[in-house]
Protein backbone atom coordinates (compact mmCIF):
# COMPACT_ATOMS: atom_id res chain seq x y z
CA MET A 1 -59.30 5.12 -61.36
CA ASN A 2 -63.00 4.50 -61.62
CA ASP A 3 -65.11 7.59 -63.15
CA LEU A 4 -67.70 8.70 -61.10
CA THR A 5 -70.78 10.48 -62.45
CA LEU A 6 -71.61 13.92 -59.76
CA PHE A 7 -75.45 12.27 -59.00
CA ASP A 8 -73.99 8.82 -58.27
CA GLN A 9 -73.75 7.92 -55.17
CA LYS A 10 -74.35 4.71 -54.79
CA ASN A 11 -71.22 3.18 -53.90
CA ILE A 12 -70.20 6.20 -51.75
CA LYS A 13 -69.59 4.85 -48.14
CA SER A 14 -70.43 7.49 -45.46
CA SER A 15 -67.53 9.47 -44.10
CA ASN A 16 -66.32 11.67 -41.63
CA ILE A 17 -64.26 13.47 -44.70
CA GLY A 18 -66.24 17.34 -45.86
CA ALA A 19 -64.05 20.13 -48.53
CA ILE A 20 -64.73 22.91 -49.61
CA ILE A 21 -64.08 23.41 -53.22
CA LEU A 22 -63.70 27.03 -54.29
CA ALA A 23 -64.58 27.41 -57.85
CA ALA A 24 -63.64 30.37 -60.03
CA GLY A 25 -65.98 33.22 -61.18
CA GLN A 26 -66.68 35.60 -64.34
CA SER A 27 -63.80 35.78 -65.86
CA SER A 28 -63.03 38.98 -68.09
CA ARG A 29 -61.21 37.89 -70.54
CA MET A 30 -62.99 34.95 -71.74
CA GLY A 31 -66.11 36.54 -70.61
CA LYS A 32 -67.61 32.90 -69.17
CA ASN A 33 -67.81 31.48 -65.67
CA LYS A 34 -64.73 29.21 -65.45
CA ALA A 35 -66.47 26.81 -63.21
CA LEU A 36 -68.99 26.32 -66.07
CA LEU A 37 -66.49 25.03 -68.70
CA PRO A 38 -66.62 22.41 -70.45
CA ILE A 39 -64.07 19.24 -69.25
CA ASN A 40 -63.99 15.76 -69.99
CA ASN A 41 -68.15 16.04 -70.91
CA LYS A 42 -68.68 17.68 -67.77
CA THR A 43 -68.14 20.93 -66.64
CA PHE A 44 -65.01 22.37 -64.69
CA ILE A 45 -67.26 22.03 -60.66
CA GLU A 46 -69.06 18.48 -61.87
CA GLU A 47 -64.63 17.50 -62.46
CA GLU A 48 -63.13 18.84 -59.59
CA ILE A 49 -66.20 17.16 -57.16
CA ASN A 50 -66.13 13.39 -58.97
CA LEU A 51 -62.42 14.21 -58.61
CA PHE A 52 -62.47 14.68 -54.56
CA MET A 53 -65.19 11.55 -53.98
CA ILE A 54 -62.36 9.62 -55.89
CA LEU A 55 -59.75 10.55 -53.35
CA VAL A 56 -62.40 9.80 -50.60
CA LEU A 57 -63.17 6.14 -52.27
CA ILE A 58 -59.64 5.32 -52.17
CA LYS A 59 -58.22 6.78 -48.70
C-alpha cells in the first residue's frame, strides 16, 4: 500500500468520489482534541484523510 502524505496530490486523479470525515473533538478525559492526537508520525485526522485517499486510488 502506498503511503500518501496529506499534501501530496500529484498522483491523485480527478474523481467523483467524496467523503465527510467525522473528526472527534475535545476529550474530557484526555483533555486534548482527539483529531489532533499523534498516530504514525501524523495527526489522527491526517492519517484518516490519507487512508481515504489511498482507498480512492485503489478503486
